[in-house]
Amino acid sequence: MDLLKNIDNKEIFVEVLHLAVDYLIGNITEKQTLRLSHKYGFQNPYDFLLATRTLSAFYMNYNLDIKRDDSTLFPYLSPEMNRLVPMVLAARQPEVATHKLECAKGTMLFMESFSWDTRLILGDSSFGENVHQVTTLNLNCRQNKTNRILFFEMNKEKLNSFISLLEKILEQ
């Protein structure tokens, strides 16, 4: 990525950033990227491919909603060039978001139903007065064509914090 600090032309830098987005979403292949390296002034096409892959991975993991200082994105780039990185992502956000959703479809679990059970434990073998309530939560999920069941066991405090977290998510 240090190779990008040698680009001092903003237009070329923006083109390289757009190329990284195209590489991420699959509009261009590795061969095409290698051929384009000389167009942007890179001597070694594999260094350019590495920089493009790194930028693509950065864009895949970058979230525009999180507020951060632009100068901390790539410390070896000038502040002016650092500001361009999220601007290009913002311009191409619909394409990147669609690509992220397509990638997540294969790995996400979709909850179909849930059930719960509450038990009162009236002590254990070490301490007879250890009375507490335990809730078991069963989530029936589907990933592609396979069914999975997730089990959670929690006490009353954890259950309350879990419910408040779900309520906050629903409010947004």
Protein backbone atom coordinates (compact mmCIF):
# COMPACT_ATOMS: atom_id res chain seq x y z
CA MET A 1 0.00 0.00 0.00
CA ASP A 2 2.99 2.30 0.30
CA LEU A 3 2.90 2.36 -3.49
CA LEU A 4 -0.17 4.58 -3.37
CA LYS A 5 1.72 7.38 -1.63
CA ASN A 6 3.67 7.90 -4.87
CA ILE A 7 0.48 8.94 -6.69
CA ASP A 8 0.29 12.71 -6.45
CA ASN A 9 -2.40 13.26 -9.09
CA LYS A 10 -5.87 13.32 -7.51
CA GLU A 11 -7.66 12.21 -10.68
CA ILE A 12 -5.45 9.14 -11.08
CA PHE A 13 -5.80 8.33 -7.37
CA VAL A 14 -9.60 8.53 -7.64
CA GLU A 15 -9.48 6.24 -10.70
CA VAL A 16 -7.41 3.72 -8.73
CA LEU A 17 -9.94 3.87 -5.88
CA HIS A 18 -12.81 3.29 -8.33
CA LEU A 19 -10.82 0.43 -9.84
CA ALA A 20 -10.54 -1.13 -6.36
CA VAL A 21 -14.33 -0.92 -5.99
CA ASP A 22 -14.75 -2.52 -9.42
CA TYR A 23 -12.36 -5.28 -8.39
CA LEU A 24 -14.33 -5.79 -5.18
CA ILE A 25 -17.71 -6.15 -6.86
CA GLY A 26 -16.30 -8.30 -9.66
CA ASN A 27 -16.51 -5.90 -12.61
CA ILE A 28 -12.85 -6.51 -13.47
CA THR A 29 -10.62 -9.57 -13.14
CA GLU A 30 -7.05 -9.98 -11.96
CA LYS A 31 -5.80 -10.09 -15.56
CA GLN A 32 -7.49 -6.80 -16.38
CA THR A 33 -6.08 -5.24 -13.23
CA LEU A 34 -2.57 -6.39 -14.12
CA ARG A 35 -2.93 -4.88 -17.60
CA LEU A 36 -4.11 -1.54 -16.17
CA SER A 37 -1.11 -1.18 -13.86
CA HIS A 38 1.07 0.57 -16.46
CA LYS A 39 -1.73 3.02 -17.25
CA TYR A 40 -1.47 4.36 -13.69
CA GLY A 41 2.33 4.47 -13.68
CA PHE A 42 3.15 1.32 -11.72
CA GLN A 43 6.34 -0.49 -12.72
CA ASN A 44 5.41 -3.84 -11.20
CA PRO A 45 1.88 -5.04 -12.09
CA TYR A 46 1.78 -7.42 -9.13
CA ASP A 47 2.40 -4.56 -6.70
CA PHE A 48 -0.53 -2.75 -8.28
CA LEU A 49 -2.67 -5.88 -7.95
CA LEU A 50 -1.71 -6.15 -4.28
CA ALA A 51 -2.63 -2.50 -3.69
CA THR A 52 -5.95 -3.00 -5.49
CA ARG A 53 -6.75 -6.10 -3.44
CA THR A 54 -5.87 -4.32 -0.21
CA LEU A 55 -8.08 -1.36 -1.07
CA SER A 56 -10.89 -3.75 -2.02
CA ALA A 57 -10.62 -5.54 1.31
CA PHE A 58 -10.60 -2.17 3.07
CA TYR A 59 -13.78 -1.14 1.24
CA MET A 60 -15.40 -4.48 2.10
CA ASN A 61 -14.81 -3.87 5.82
CA TYR A 62 -15.28 -0.08 5.89
CA ASN A 63 -18.51 1.31 7.29
CA LEU A 64 -19.56 4.85 6.35
CA ASP A 65 -21.81 5.15 9.41
CA ILE A 66 -18.90 5.07 11.85
CA LYS A 67 -17.45 8.52 12.41
CA ARG A 68 -13.66 8.56 12.29
CA ASP A 69 -10.83 10.92 11.51
CA ASP A 70 -9.97 10.67 7.80
CA SER A 71 -6.27 11.15 8.46
CA THR A 72 -6.12 7.84 10.34
CA LEU A 73 -7.29 5.71 7.43
CA PHE A 74 -3.93 5.46 5.69
CA PRO A 75 -1.25 7.33 7.66
CA TYR A 76 1.23 7.32 4.77
CA LEU A 77 -1.15 9.22 2.47
CA SER A 78 -1.58 12.96 2.54
CA PRO A 79 -4.72 14.28 4.30
CA GLU A 80 -6.09 15.40 0.94
CA MET A 81 -5.75 11.90 -0.51
CA ASN A 82 -7.11 10.32 2.68
CA ARG A 83 -10.33 12.32 2.30
CA LEU A 84 -10.85 10.83 -1.15
CA VAL A 85 -11.00 7.23 0.11
CA PRO A 86 -14.40 7.48 1.89
CA MET A 87 -15.71 9.87 -0.78
CA VAL A 88 -15.25 7.23 -3.49
CA LEU A 89 -16.94 4.64 -1.29
CA ALA A 90 -19.85 7.00 -0.65
CA ALA A 91 -20.23 7.52 -4.41
CA ARG A 92 -20.26 3.76 -5.05
CA GLN A 93 -22.14 2.80 -1.88
CA PRO A 94 -25.16 1.14 -3.58
CA GLU A 95 -22.93 -1.22 -5.57
CA VAL A 96 -20.74 -2.07 -2.58
CA ALA A 97 -23.78 -2.60 -0.33
CA THR A 98 -25.34 -4.95 -2.88
CA HIS A 99 -22.09 -6.90 -3.10
CA LYS A 100 -21.82 -7.12 0.70
CA LEU A 101 -25.40 -8.41 0.89
CA GLU A 102 -24.72 -11.06 -1.76
CA CYS A 103 -21.60 -12.20 0.10
CA ALA A 104 -23.47 -12.33 3.39
CA LYS A 105 -26.34 -14.43 2.03
CA GLY A 106 -24.21 -17.56 2.15
CA THR A 107 -23.00 -17.02 5.70
CA MET A 108 -25.93 -15.38 7.49
CA LEU A 109 -28.31 -17.29 9.68
CA PHE A 110 -31.97 -16.33 9.29
CA MET A 111 -34.11 -16.93 12.35
CA GLU A 112 -37.32 -18.81 11.58
CA SER A 113 -38.70 -19.23 15.09
CA PHE A 114 -37.70 -19.28 18.72
CA SER A 115 -38.82 -20.78 22.00
CA TRP A 116 -37.81 -20.38 25.61
CA ASP A 117 -37.96 -22.26 28.86
CA THR A 118 -37.48 -20.94 32.38
CA ARG A 119 -36.27 -23.14 35.24
CA LEU A 120 -35.80 -22.43 38.90
CA ILE A 121 -32.71 -24.15 40.28
CA LEU A 122 -33.09 -24.87 43.99
CA GLY A 123 -29.43 -25.40 44.82
CA ASP A 124 -26.57 -27.58 43.69
CA SER A 125 -24.32 -30.23 45.22
CA SER A 126 -21.89 -27.74 46.71
CA PHE A 127 -24.26 -25.19 48.20
CA GLY A 128 -27.87 -25.96 49.06
CA GLU A 129 -29.05 -22.37 49.23
CA ASN A 130 -27.81 -21.50 45.73
CA VAL A 131 -31.24 -20.68 44.29
CA HIS A 132 -31.40 -18.98 40.92
CA GLN A 133 -33.48 -18.77 37.78
CA VAL A 134 -32.12 -19.89 34.40
CA THR A 135 -33.73 -19.16 31.03
CA THR A 136 -32.98 -21.29 27.98
CA LEU A 137 -33.55 -19.62 24.63
CA ASN A 138 -33.74 -21.79 21.48
CA LEU A 139 -33.34 -20.07 18.11
CA ASN A 140 -34.35 -22.12 15.06
CA CYS A 141 -32.30 -20.73 12.19
CA ARG A 142 -31.78 -21.54 8.54
CA GLN A 143 -28.58 -21.10 6.55
CA ASN A 144 -29.09 -21.81 2.86
CA LYS A 145 -30.89 -25.20 3.01
CA THR A 146 -29.66 -26.40 6.39
CA ASN A 147 -31.48 -25.92 9.66
CA ARG A 148 -29.58 -25.04 12.81
CA ILE A 149 -30.67 -24.64 16.38
CA LEU A 150 -28.82 -22.24 18.65
CA PHE A 151 -29.20 -22.65 22.41
CA PHE A 152 -28.54 -19.88 24.91
CA GLU A 153 -28.72 -20.27 28.64
CA MET A 154 -28.71 -17.11 30.72
CA ASN A 155 -29.60 -15.75 34.11
CA LYS A 156 -32.12 -12.99 34.78
CA GLU A 157 -29.60 -10.12 34.47
CA LYS A 158 -28.25 -11.35 31.13
CA LEU A 159 -31.78 -11.92 29.88
CA ASN A 160 -32.79 -8.35 30.78
CA SER A 161 -29.75 -6.89 29.02
CA PHE A 162 -30.46 -9.09 25.97
CA ILE A 163 -34.08 -7.89 25.83
CA SER A 164 -33.05 -4.23 26.17
CA LEU A 165 -30.50 -4.70 23.37
CA LEU A 166 -33.20 -6.14 21.10
CA GLU A 167 -35.54 -3.26 21.97
CA LYS A 168 -32.83 -0.71 21.08
CA ILE A 169 -32.25 -2.43 17.75
CA LEU A 170 -35.98 -2.37 16.97
CA GLU A 171 -36.16 1.37 17.76
CA GLN A 172 -33.53 2.21 15.12
